[in-house]
């Protein structure tokens, strides 16, 4: 018997064209043994399994039964193979999801959080542990950075009024990290966190008032900017202290007051804020709000330069040359 290689239609040996697709069967076919059902190439004279000559044309019932049973076995093997592949994919996906959950659980344990906390809508609520786990994914500490997972954990903590988680979510929406950038959503989250006393969120709201007028207007709202900075600065936020100092130094939205500016710069600078250290260096270099003192200016510029600030390094180099030249006179 012949089988068409294109459509697999089976026909008698004497047929020259496939009765289904019309292909020429002079070369485009393989033989099927009438006795055992083995498929073999048309160049082979005998069946490689049972040795039957390829022109064997027995039409006995036994031969037919043998032939069709072989075809059923062939199709059965194909079906089994397909099912095996599907099962492999399902099991593989389950395995990797379990590994991922195991990793999350391990991280949760490292933060003294119950494993149940890692399961959505089940187990005791532990906002602090959820926030800590979100930080790990956000900052890539011990795991690959994953903003999506960080967002999930921050949201769980934020729903429990965790102010730091709300603030971080606000940053993610403001910067478009793992989510579409949305300053309105960011502002809402900052306000929720600020209402709970989060100084970082207060500082961010001050920044939005300066550059986005609260997120919507075209003109800066210096009054609200100052108010948010003052609230955050009172809680010890170094960025707010420096920014408030800059407002007094430039007279932006307030009466210019270099002495007040220096006081705020010093508070922030002693907390390691490099921008405040640079501003304090400038104040001592030119005597704005303080007595001019090149040595103190140089010391503050060097502190900021050690944190990688190039402008502070350049000013320190120039000031060092000036001090050296004055000393040689």
Protein backbone atom coordinates (compact mmCIF):
# COMPACT_ATOMS: atom_id res chain seq x y z
CA UNK A 1 0.00 0.00 0.00
CA UNK A 2 1.10 3.55 -0.73
CA UNK A 3 0.86 6.60 1.53
CA UNK A 4 1.02 10.15 0.10
CA UNK A 5 3.78 12.14 1.83
CA UNK A 6 1.76 15.37 1.63
CA UNK A 7 -1.70 14.43 2.92
CA UNK A 8 -0.98 10.90 4.25
CA UNK A 9 -3.82 9.43 2.22
CA UNK A 10 -3.45 5.65 1.84
CA UNK A 11 -4.14 4.05 -1.54
CA UNK A 12 -3.45 0.84 -3.44
CA UNK A 13 -0.04 0.11 -4.95
CA UNK A 14 -1.26 0.53 -8.51
CA UNK A 15 -2.56 4.12 -7.94
CA UNK A 16 -0.31 6.74 -9.59
CA UNK A 17 -2.02 9.90 -8.27
CA UNK A 18 -3.24 10.64 -4.75
CA UNK A 19 -7.06 10.35 -4.77
CA UNK A 20 -7.31 13.18 -2.21
CA UNK A 21 -4.77 15.88 -3.13
CA UNK A 22 -3.90 14.80 -6.68
CA UNK A 23 -0.15 14.66 -6.13
CA UNK A 24 1.95 12.43 -8.36
CA UNK A 25 2.80 9.26 -6.41
CA UNK A 26 5.69 8.19 -8.62
CA UNK A 27 8.14 9.58 -6.04
CA UNK A 28 6.10 11.46 -3.44
CA UNK A 29 5.10 8.43 -1.34
CA UNK A 30 6.19 5.82 1.17
CA UNK A 31 5.15 2.19 1.46
CA UNK A 32 3.05 0.68 4.23
CA UNK A 33 3.45 -3.03 4.76
CA UNK A 34 0.10 -4.80 4.19
CA UNK A 35 1.05 -7.42 6.73
CA UNK A 36 2.46 -5.57 9.77
CA UNK A 37 1.71 -1.91 9.01
CA UNK A 38 5.38 -0.82 9.08
CA UNK A 39 6.11 2.35 7.09
CA UNK A 40 9.24 2.16 4.92
CA UNK A 41 10.88 4.07 2.10
CA UNK A 42 9.84 3.46 -1.49
CA UNK A 43 13.40 2.38 -2.40
CA UNK A 44 13.24 -0.59 -0.02
CA UNK A 45 12.09 -3.82 -1.62
CA UNK A 46 10.99 -5.56 1.56
CA UNK A 47 9.49 -4.49 4.88
CA UNK A 48 12.39 -3.97 7.35
CA UNK A 49 10.23 -5.35 10.19
CA UNK A 50 8.63 -8.53 8.89
CA UNK A 51 10.46 -9.04 5.59
CA UNK A 52 7.28 -8.97 3.47
CA UNK A 53 7.85 -7.91 -0.14
CA UNK A 54 6.48 -4.47 -0.79
CA UNK A 55 4.17 -5.77 -3.51
CA UNK A 56 2.50 -8.04 -0.99
CA UNK A 57 -1.17 -7.41 -1.60
CA UNK A 58 -2.88 -9.77 0.77
CA UNK A 59 -6.40 -8.59 1.53
CA UNK A 60 -7.10 -11.08 4.30
CA UNK A 61 -9.00 -9.84 7.34
CA UNK A 62 -6.05 -10.68 9.61
CA UNK A 63 -3.68 -8.52 7.54
CA UNK A 64 -6.11 -5.64 7.56
CA UNK A 65 -6.57 -5.86 11.33
CA UNK A 66 -2.79 -5.96 11.79
CA UNK A 67 -2.34 -2.92 9.57
CA UNK A 68 -4.93 -0.75 11.28
CA UNK A 69 -3.75 -1.74 14.75
CA UNK A 70 -0.30 -0.47 13.80
CA UNK A 71 -1.81 2.84 12.68
CA UNK A 72 -3.70 3.17 15.95
CA UNK A 73 -0.51 2.55 17.92
CA UNK A 74 1.30 5.20 15.89
CA UNK A 75 -1.41 7.78 16.55
CA UNK A 76 -1.60 6.74 20.20
CA UNK A 77 2.13 7.42 20.63
CA UNK A 78 1.69 10.85 19.06
CA UNK A 79 -1.16 11.72 21.41
CA UNK A 80 0.83 10.49 24.41
CA UNK A 81 3.78 12.67 23.35
CA UNK A 82 1.59 15.76 23.06
CA UNK A 83 0.01 15.12 26.46
CA UNK A 84 3.46 14.61 27.98
CA UNK A 85 4.65 17.97 26.65
CA UNK A 86 1.57 19.74 28.03
CA UNK A 87 2.03 18.12 31.44
CA UNK A 88 5.69 19.07 31.44
CA UNK A 89 4.83 22.73 30.80
CA UNK A 90 2.17 22.75 33.52
CA UNK A 91 4.43 21.05 36.08
CA UNK A 92 7.36 23.29 35.12
CA UNK A 93 5.28 26.43 35.58
CA UNK A 94 4.05 25.16 38.95
CA UNK A 95 7.61 24.31 40.02
CA UNK A 96 8.98 27.76 39.18
CA UNK A 97 6.05 29.47 40.88
CA UNK A 98 6.78 27.42 44.02
CA UNK A 99 10.46 28.39 43.86
CA UNK A 100 9.44 32.02 43.53
CA UNK A 101 7.06 31.75 46.49
CA UNK A 102 9.79 30.00 48.48
CA UNK A 103 12.13 32.90 47.76
CA UNK A 104 9.51 35.42 48.86
CA UNK A 105 8.85 33.41 52.00
CA UNK A 106 12.56 33.26 52.77
CA UNK A 107 12.87 37.01 52.36
CA UNK A 108 9.85 37.53 54.58
CA UNK A 109 11.40 35.30 57.26
CA UNK A 110 14.63 37.30 57.04
CA UNK A 111 12.58 40.33 58.01
CA UNK A 112 10.92 38.54 60.95
CA UNK A 113 7.61 38.28 59.11
CA UNK A 114 5.32 35.28 59.14
CA UNK A 115 5.30 33.29 55.89
CA UNK A 116 1.52 33.68 55.91
CA UNK A 117 2.02 37.39 55.35
CA UNK A 118 3.30 36.58 51.87
CA UNK A 119 -0.03 35.06 50.94
CA UNK A 120 -2.63 37.42 49.60
CA UNK A 121 -5.63 38.02 51.83
CA UNK A 122 -4.56 35.42 54.39
CA UNK A 123 -2.59 35.29 57.61
CA UNK A 124 -1.78 38.08 60.05
CA UNK A 125 -1.11 41.56 58.64
CA UNK A 126 2.47 42.72 59.03
CA UNK A 127 2.87 46.06 57.23
CA UNK A 128 6.47 46.58 58.36
CA UNK A 129 7.58 43.20 57.00
CA UNK A 130 5.72 43.78 53.72
CA UNK A 131 7.39 47.18 53.37
CA UNK A 132 10.81 45.63 54.07
CA UNK A 133 10.24 43.02 51.39
CA UNK A 134 9.15 45.72 48.95
CA UNK A 135 12.41 47.57 49.64
CA UNK A 136 14.42 44.47 48.79
CA UNK A 137 12.83 44.25 45.35
CA UNK A 138 13.00 48.02 44.85
CA UNK A 139 16.69 48.33 45.72
CA UNK A 140 17.70 44.83 44.48
CA UNK A 141 19.00 43.74 47.89
CA UNK A 142 19.56 39.97 47.73
CA UNK A 143 17.16 39.61 44.80
CA UNK A 144 16.89 40.80 41.23
CA UNK A 145 15.35 44.26 40.99
CA UNK A 146 11.66 43.95 40.25
CA UNK A 147 9.52 47.10 40.44
CA UNK A 148 6.34 45.10 39.87
CA UNK A 149 6.93 42.94 42.95
CA UNK A 150 8.05 45.98 44.94
CA UNK A 151 4.79 47.69 44.03
CA UNK A 152 2.76 44.66 45.15
CA UNK A 153 4.40 44.60 48.59
CA UNK A 154 4.29 48.38 49.02
CA UNK A 155 0.57 48.38 48.17
CA UNK A 156 -0.13 45.69 50.79
CA UNK A 157 1.64 47.78 53.43
CA UNK A 158 0.13 51.05 52.19
CA UNK A 159 -3.39 49.67 52.59
CA UNK A 160 -2.57 49.33 56.28
CA UNK A 161 -1.58 53.03 56.48
CA UNK A 162 2.15 52.39 56.37
CA UNK A 163 3.44 55.91 55.63
CA UNK A 164 6.83 54.89 54.22
CA UNK A 165 5.20 52.44 51.82
CA UNK A 166 2.79 55.14 50.66
CA UNK A 167 5.70 57.51 50.09
CA UNK A 168 7.65 54.92 48.07
CA UNK A 169 4.56 54.20 45.98
CA UNK A 170 4.30 57.94 45.39
CA UNK A 171 7.92 57.97 44.16
CA UNK A 172 7.19 55.06 41.81
CA UNK A 173 4.21 56.86 40.26
CA UNK A 174 6.09 60.15 40.10
CA UNK A 175 9.11 58.60 38.37
CA UNK A 176 7.22 55.99 36.34
CA UNK A 177 9.03 53.05 37.93
CA UNK A 178 7.14 49.85 37.08
CA UNK A 179 3.97 51.89 36.50
CA UNK A 180 2.78 54.57 34.10
CA UNK A 181 3.95 57.99 35.28
CA UNK A 182 1.08 59.69 37.13
CA UNK A 183 1.80 62.88 39.11
CA UNK A 184 -1.80 63.06 40.29
CA UNK A 185 -1.60 59.57 41.82
CA UNK A 186 1.83 60.42 43.25
CA UNK A 187 0.46 63.58 44.90
CA UNK A 188 -2.43 61.64 46.47
CA UNK A 189 -0.03 59.06 47.93
CA UNK A 190 2.34 61.77 49.22
CA UNK A 191 -0.58 63.54 50.90
CA UNK A 192 -1.70 60.30 52.59
CA UNK A 193 1.84 59.68 53.85
CA UNK A 194 2.30 63.30 54.93
CA UNK A 195 -0.95 63.13 56.91
CA UNK A 196 0.65 60.26 58.83
CA UNK A 197 3.73 62.38 59.57
CA UNK A 198 6.14 61.17 56.87
CA UNK A 199 8.77 63.91 56.35
CA UNK A 200 9.97 62.56 53.01
CA UNK A 201 6.45 62.85 51.60
CA UNK A 202 6.21 66.42 52.92
CA UNK A 203 9.45 67.29 51.15
CA UNK A 204 8.17 65.73 47.91
CA UNK A 205 4.98 67.78 48.14
CA UNK A 206 7.12 70.89 48.56
CA UNK A 207 9.03 69.97 45.41
CA UNK A 208 5.77 69.48 43.52
CA UNK A 209 4.58 72.91 44.65
CA UNK A 210 7.75 74.44 43.25
CA UNK A 211 7.92 72.65 39.92
CA UNK A 212 4.28 71.61 39.36
CA UNK A 213 2.34 74.02 41.62
CA UNK A 214 0.93 71.09 43.53
CA UNK A 215 0.90 69.00 40.38
CA UNK A 216 -1.45 71.00 38.21
CA UNK A 217 -0.82 74.75 37.84
CA UNK A 218 1.58 76.54 35.53
CA UNK A 219 3.12 78.84 38.18
CA UNK A 220 5.07 77.73 41.28
CA UNK A 221 3.29 78.02 44.61
CA UNK A 222 6.13 79.27 46.82
CA UNK A 223 3.90 79.73 49.85
CA UNK A 224 2.85 76.06 49.92
CA UNK A 225 6.38 75.00 49.01
CA UNK A 226 7.76 76.82 52.06
CA UNK A 227 5.03 75.41 54.31
CA UNK A 228 5.79 71.82 53.31
CA UNK A 229 9.56 72.37 53.69
CA UNK A 230 9.06 73.88 57.14
CA UNK A 231 6.99 70.90 58.29
CA UNK A 232 9.52 68.40 56.95
CA UNK A 233 12.52 70.39 58.23
CA UNK A 234 11.03 70.46 61.72
CA UNK A 235 11.03 66.66 61.60
CA UNK A 236 14.74 66.67 60.70
CA UNK A 237 14.50 66.05 56.94
CA UNK A 238 17.88 67.18 55.53
CA UNK A 239 16.61 67.71 51.96
CA UNK A 240 13.84 69.98 53.24
CA UNK A 241 16.28 71.90 55.45
CA UNK A 242 18.58 72.49 52.51
CA UNK A 243 15.75 73.49 50.15
CA UNK A 244 14.26 75.85 52.73
CA UNK A 245 17.72 77.33 53.23
CA UNK A 246 17.96 77.88 49.46
CA UNK A 247 14.64 79.78 49.53
CA UNK A 248 15.97 82.14 52.23
CA UNK A 249 19.32 82.42 50.47
CA UNK A 250 17.74 83.49 47.17
CA UNK A 251 14.70 85.25 48.61
CA UNK A 252 12.39 82.92 46.69
CA UNK A 253 8.90 83.28 48.13
CA UNK A 254 10.35 84.69 51.40
CA UNK A 255 12.38 87.69 52.44
CA UNK A 256 16.07 87.10 51.71
CA UNK A 257 17.91 86.11 54.88
CA UNK A 258 21.46 84.72 54.50
CA UNK A 259 21.88 84.08 58.22
CA UNK A 260 18.69 81.98 58.33
CA UNK A 261 19.86 80.18 55.21
CA UNK A 262 23.21 79.28 56.78
CA UNK A 263 21.50 77.92 59.90
CA UNK A 264 19.39 75.59 57.75
CA UNK A 265 22.37 74.60 55.56
CA UNK A 266 24.35 73.66 58.66
CA UNK A 267 21.56 71.43 59.99
CA UNK A 268 21.35 69.57 56.68
CA UNK A 269 25.11 69.49 56.09
CA UNK A 270 25.78 67.85 59.45
CA UNK A 271 23.42 65.06 58.38
CA UNK A 272 25.60 64.45 55.32
CA UNK A 273 23.51 66.29 52.71
CA UNK A 274 26.07 67.06 49.99
CA UNK A 275 24.02 69.92 48.49
CA UNK A 276 23.89 71.64 51.87
CA UNK A 277 27.64 71.05 52.28
CA UNK A 278 28.24 72.73 48.92
CA UNK A 279 25.92 75.65 49.78
CA UNK A 280 27.63 76.09 53.14
CA UNK A 281 31.01 76.13 51.38
CA UNK A 282 29.79 78.91 49.09
CA UNK A 283 28.46 80.87 52.09
CA UNK A 284 31.85 80.74 53.85
CA UNK A 285 33.75 81.45 50.62
CA UNK A 286 31.87 84.71 49.97
CA UNK A 287 30.89 85.59 53.54
CA UNK A 288 27.11 85.35 53.02
CA UNK A 289 25.43 85.11 56.43
CA UNK A 290 28.75 84.24 58.08
CA UNK A 291 32.22 85.70 58.40
CA UNK A 292 34.24 84.89 55.31
CA UNK A 293 36.49 81.91 56.03
CA UNK A 294 38.33 80.11 53.22
CA UNK A 295 39.44 77.25 55.43
CA UNK A 296 35.88 76.42 56.50
CA UNK A 297 34.69 76.85 52.93
CA UNK A 298 37.40 74.45 51.75
CA UNK A 299 36.47 71.92 54.43
CA UNK A 300 32.81 71.89 53.38
CA UNK A 301 33.65 71.70 49.68
CA UNK A 302 35.90 68.71 50.37
CA UNK A 303 33.13 66.93 52.30
CA UNK A 304 30.78 67.33 49.34
CA UNK A 305 33.50 66.36 46.87
CA UNK A 306 34.15 63.15 48.82
CA UNK A 307 30.53 62.21 48.08
CA UNK A 308 31.14 62.58 44.36
CA UNK A 309 30.04 66.18 43.71
CA UNK A 310 32.17 67.45 40.82
CA UNK A 311 31.31 71.14 41.28
CA UNK A 312 32.46 70.96 44.91
CA UNK A 313 35.72 69.33 43.80
CA UNK A 314 36.38 72.08 41.27
CA UNK A 315 35.65 74.80 43.82
CA UNK A 316 37.87 73.09 46.37
CA UNK A 317 40.75 72.91 43.87
CA UNK A 318 40.36 76.58 42.93
CA UNK A 319 40.05 77.68 46.55
CA UNK A 320 43.07 75.61 47.54
CA UNK A 321 45.16 77.36 44.88
CA UNK A 322 43.90 80.74 46.07
CA UNK A 323 44.77 79.98 49.71
CA UNK A 324 48.21 78.73 48.67
CA UNK A 325 48.93 81.82 46.57
CA UNK A 326 47.83 84.15 49.37
CA UNK A 327 50.01 82.30 51.85
CA UNK A 328 53.10 82.65 49.62
CA UNK A 329 52.76 86.45 49.46
